[in-house]
Amino acid sequence: MTDQQLCALLHSGDKKAFDILYERYWKRLFVYAYKIFEDQLICEDIVQEVFVRLWERATQVKIEELENYLLRATKYQVLNAIRDLKRTTSYENILPHLPVALAVDLIYDEQETSELISRSVKTLPEKCQEIFLMSREEALSNKEIAQKLHISVRTVEAHLYKAMKILKKSLNKINIGIGFILSFL
C-alpha cells in the first residue's frame, strides 16, 4: 500500500494502517532523531511520542505528505527535548561531560565559577535581579513574570536584557562561552 492509501485508512481510524506506518517509519525517524540528539533512550521516546500524537490526531488531520509530516514532527520533538533539557539540567551536571580539551581551558573550577556567577547576580540592580532569578530559577516566561509583578512584558524584556549585559560584562573572566553557562542557570 502507498503512504496515501495508508493515510486515508488511518484518517478513518484503521489500527492496521497505523501499525504498517509504524513499522515502515519508526527506524527512519529514530535515526533522524539520533543524528541530532545522540541519546538512544530519549530518541526512542521521541519517536514513540511522534507516533502517539499521529494516532491521537489521525481522525482530525488529513495528512498529504506523510514522510515530511513525520520528519517535521520528529524534529519538533527533538527541539522540545533539547529545550526541556536546558530547563532541567544544571550546568554543574554538564561541565564534567565536556571534552577534555575544553575542560582544561577553564580558568576556574566549577565551584569558583558558580560562586562568581552568584556574586555577579547579586550585583544586579534589585528589580533586574528579581526578574532574572524569576526567569532562570523559577523558569517563568516573560509573560508570567509581567503578570506576577504587574508590569509590561516589554519592561521584563528590558530588565532581562540589562541583566544579561551586566552579567556578560562581569563574567568575561571565564574562558568559556558565558552564553553557554547562563543558558543553564
Protein backbone atom coordinates (compact mmCIF):
# COMPACT_ATOMS: atom_id res chain seq x y z
CA MET A 1 0.00 0.00 0.00
CA THR A 2 1.12 3.54 -0.64
CA ASP A 3 1.50 6.13 2.10
CA GLN A 4 -1.53 7.99 0.72
CA GLN A 5 -3.70 4.86 0.95
CA LEU A 6 -2.48 4.17 4.48
CA CYS A 7 -3.09 7.79 5.49
CA ALA A 8 -6.67 7.57 4.19
CA LEU A 9 -7.22 4.40 6.23
CA LEU A 10 -5.54 6.00 9.23
CA HIS A 11 -7.83 9.01 8.91
CA SER A 12 -10.78 6.64 9.27
CA GLY A 13 -9.22 5.14 12.45
CA ASP A 14 -7.76 1.93 10.99
CA LYS A 15 -5.34 0.43 13.53
CA LYS A 16 -3.71 -1.90 10.97
CA ALA A 17 -2.79 1.09 8.78
CA PHE A 18 -1.18 2.72 11.82
CA ASP A 19 0.81 -0.47 12.57
CA ILE A 20 2.06 -0.62 8.97
CA LEU A 21 3.10 3.03 9.05
CA TYR A 22 4.85 2.48 12.39
CA GLU A 23 6.84 -0.45 11.01
CA ARG A 24 7.63 1.49 7.84
CA TYR A 25 8.89 4.68 9.52
CA TRP A 26 9.98 4.11 13.13
CA LYS A 27 13.57 3.22 12.27
CA ARG A 28 13.99 6.14 9.85
CA LEU A 29 12.61 8.57 12.45
CA PHE A 30 14.82 7.10 15.17
CA VAL A 31 17.96 7.53 13.02
CA TYR A 32 16.91 11.09 12.16
CA ALA A 33 16.38 11.95 15.86
CA TYR A 34 19.61 10.20 16.87
CA LYS A 35 21.67 12.22 14.41
CA ILE A 36 20.54 15.33 16.25
CA PHE A 37 20.29 14.23 19.88
CA GLU A 38 22.58 11.17 20.17
CA ASP A 39 20.78 9.58 23.13
CA GLN A 40 19.18 6.24 22.36
CA LEU A 41 16.56 6.22 25.14
CA ILE A 42 15.45 9.79 24.57
CA CYS A 43 15.30 9.26 20.81
CA GLU A 44 13.17 6.14 21.30
CA ASP A 45 10.82 8.21 23.48
CA ILE A 46 10.74 10.96 20.88
CA VAL A 47 9.74 8.57 18.10
CA GLN A 48 7.17 6.94 20.36
CA GLU A 49 5.68 10.37 21.13
CA VAL A 50 5.53 11.23 17.41
CA PHE A 51 3.52 8.08 16.72
CA VAL A 52 1.27 8.56 19.75
CA ARG A 53 0.42 12.05 18.52
CA LEU A 54 -0.07 10.75 14.97
CA TRP A 55 -2.61 8.23 16.26
CA GLU A 56 -4.35 10.79 18.51
CA ARG A 57 -4.73 13.25 15.63
CA ALA A 58 -5.30 10.73 12.83
CA THR A 59 -9.04 11.24 12.53
CA GLN A 60 -8.78 15.03 12.83
CA VAL A 61 -5.92 15.81 10.45
CA LYS A 62 -5.67 14.71 6.84
CA ILE A 63 -2.00 14.16 6.03
CA GLU A 64 -0.90 14.67 2.43
CA GLU A 65 2.89 14.18 2.67
CA LEU A 66 3.37 11.58 5.40
CA GLU A 67 7.16 11.35 5.39
CA ASN A 68 7.57 15.15 5.57
CA TYR A 69 4.94 15.31 8.31
CA LEU A 70 6.69 12.63 10.40
CA LEU A 71 10.16 14.11 9.93
CA ARG A 72 8.92 17.58 10.87
CA ALA A 73 7.11 16.18 13.93
CA THR A 74 10.29 14.35 14.96
CA LYS A 75 12.38 17.50 14.54
CA TYR A 76 9.99 19.46 16.77
CA GLN A 77 10.01 16.72 19.40
CA VAL A 78 13.83 16.75 19.41
CA LEU A 79 13.82 20.54 19.81
CA ASN A 80 11.35 20.22 22.69
CA ALA A 81 13.62 17.63 24.33
CA ILE A 82 16.61 19.97 23.99
CA ARG A 83 14.60 22.89 25.40
CA ASP A 84 13.43 20.75 28.34
CA LEU A 85 17.00 19.60 28.94
CA LYS A 86 18.14 23.22 29.21
CA ARG A 87 15.47 23.95 31.79
CA THR A 88 16.15 20.91 33.94
CA THR A 89 19.89 20.41 33.65
CA SER A 90 22.22 22.40 35.82
CA TYR A 91 25.47 23.48 34.21
CA GLU A 92 27.29 21.66 37.03
CA ASN A 93 25.97 18.41 35.54
CA ILE A 94 27.08 19.39 32.04
CA LEU A 95 30.63 20.61 32.70
CA PRO A 96 32.09 17.19 33.66
CA HIS A 97 30.91 15.82 30.30
CA LEU A 98 32.63 18.44 28.19
CA PRO A 99 35.54 17.27 26.05
CA VAL A 100 38.85 17.24 27.93
CA ALA A 101 40.38 19.97 25.76
CA LEU A 102 37.57 22.32 26.71
CA ALA A 103 37.64 21.38 30.40
CA VAL A 104 41.39 22.04 30.56
CA ASP A 105 40.82 25.54 29.23
CA LEU A 106 38.58 26.52 32.12
CA ILE A 107 40.18 29.24 34.24
CA TYR A 108 38.04 28.49 37.26
CA ASP A 109 36.87 25.19 38.57
CA GLU A 110 33.14 24.58 38.84
CA GLN A 111 32.79 25.83 42.42
CA GLU A 112 34.63 29.07 41.74
CA THR A 113 32.58 29.57 38.58
CA SER A 114 29.34 29.00 40.47
CA GLU A 115 30.41 31.45 43.18
CA LEU A 116 31.41 34.05 40.58
CA ILE A 117 28.02 33.75 38.89
CA SER A 118 26.19 34.05 42.22
CA ARG A 119 28.20 37.12 43.19
CA SER A 120 27.58 38.67 39.79
CA VAL A 121 23.83 38.09 40.03
CA LYS A 122 23.85 39.76 43.47
CA THR A 123 25.39 42.90 41.95
CA LEU A 124 22.43 43.40 39.63
CA PRO A 125 20.02 46.21 40.43
CA GLU A 126 17.22 44.94 42.68
CA LYS A 127 14.48 44.75 40.03
CA CYS A 128 16.84 43.23 37.43
CA GLN A 129 17.97 40.63 39.92
CA GLU A 130 14.40 39.74 40.88
CA ILE A 131 13.30 39.35 37.28
CA PHE A 132 16.45 37.47 36.27
CA LEU A 133 16.01 34.96 39.11
CA MET A 134 12.31 34.50 38.30
CA SER A 135 13.29 33.79 34.70
CA ARG A 136 16.20 31.45 35.39
CA GLU A 137 15.48 29.78 38.74
CA GLU A 138 11.69 29.63 38.58
CA ALA A 139 11.68 29.14 34.79
CA LEU A 140 8.85 31.63 34.38
CA SER A 141 8.11 33.07 30.97
CA ASN A 142 8.36 36.81 30.37
CA LYS A 143 4.57 36.98 30.26
CA GLU A 144 4.24 35.14 33.60
CA ILE A 145 6.78 37.46 35.22
CA ALA A 146 4.97 40.51 33.87
CA GLN A 147 1.66 39.28 35.26
CA LYS A 148 3.17 38.39 38.62
CA LEU A 149 4.87 41.79 39.02
CA HIS A 150 2.10 43.80 37.35
CA ILE A 151 4.44 45.25 34.72
CA SER A 152 4.55 45.03 30.93
CA VAL A 153 6.28 42.22 29.04
CA ARG A 154 8.48 44.89 27.40
CA THR A 155 9.66 46.00 30.85
CA VAL A 156 10.53 42.40 31.74
CA GLU A 157 12.46 42.04 28.47
CA ALA A 158 14.33 45.28 29.14
CA HIS A 159 15.34 44.13 32.64
CA LEU A 160 16.48 40.73 31.33
CA TYR A 161 18.49 42.39 28.58
CA LYS A 162 20.11 44.69 31.12
CA ALA A 163 20.83 41.77 33.46
CA MET A 164 22.43 39.70 30.70
CA LYS A 165 24.52 42.66 29.58
CA ILE A 166 25.80 43.29 33.13
CA LEU A 167 26.46 39.59 33.77
CA LYS A 168 28.31 39.09 30.50
CA LYS A 169 30.50 42.07 31.28
CA SER A 170 31.28 40.95 34.83
CA LEU A 171 31.83 37.32 33.83
CA ASN A 172 34.19 37.92 30.93
CA LYS A 173 36.98 36.42 33.05
CA ILE A 174 35.71 32.92 32.33
CA ASN A 175 37.37 31.34 29.31
CA ILE A 176 34.27 29.56 28.02
CA GLY A 177 31.12 30.86 26.41
CA ILE A 178 29.15 32.80 29.01
CA GLY A 179 26.02 32.27 26.96
CA PHE A 180 26.53 28.53 27.46
CA ILE A 181 26.74 28.84 31.24
CA LEU A 182 23.91 31.37 31.56
CA SER A 183 21.59 29.23 29.44
CA PHE A 184 21.81 26.50 32.07
CA LEU A 185 21.23 28.71 35.13
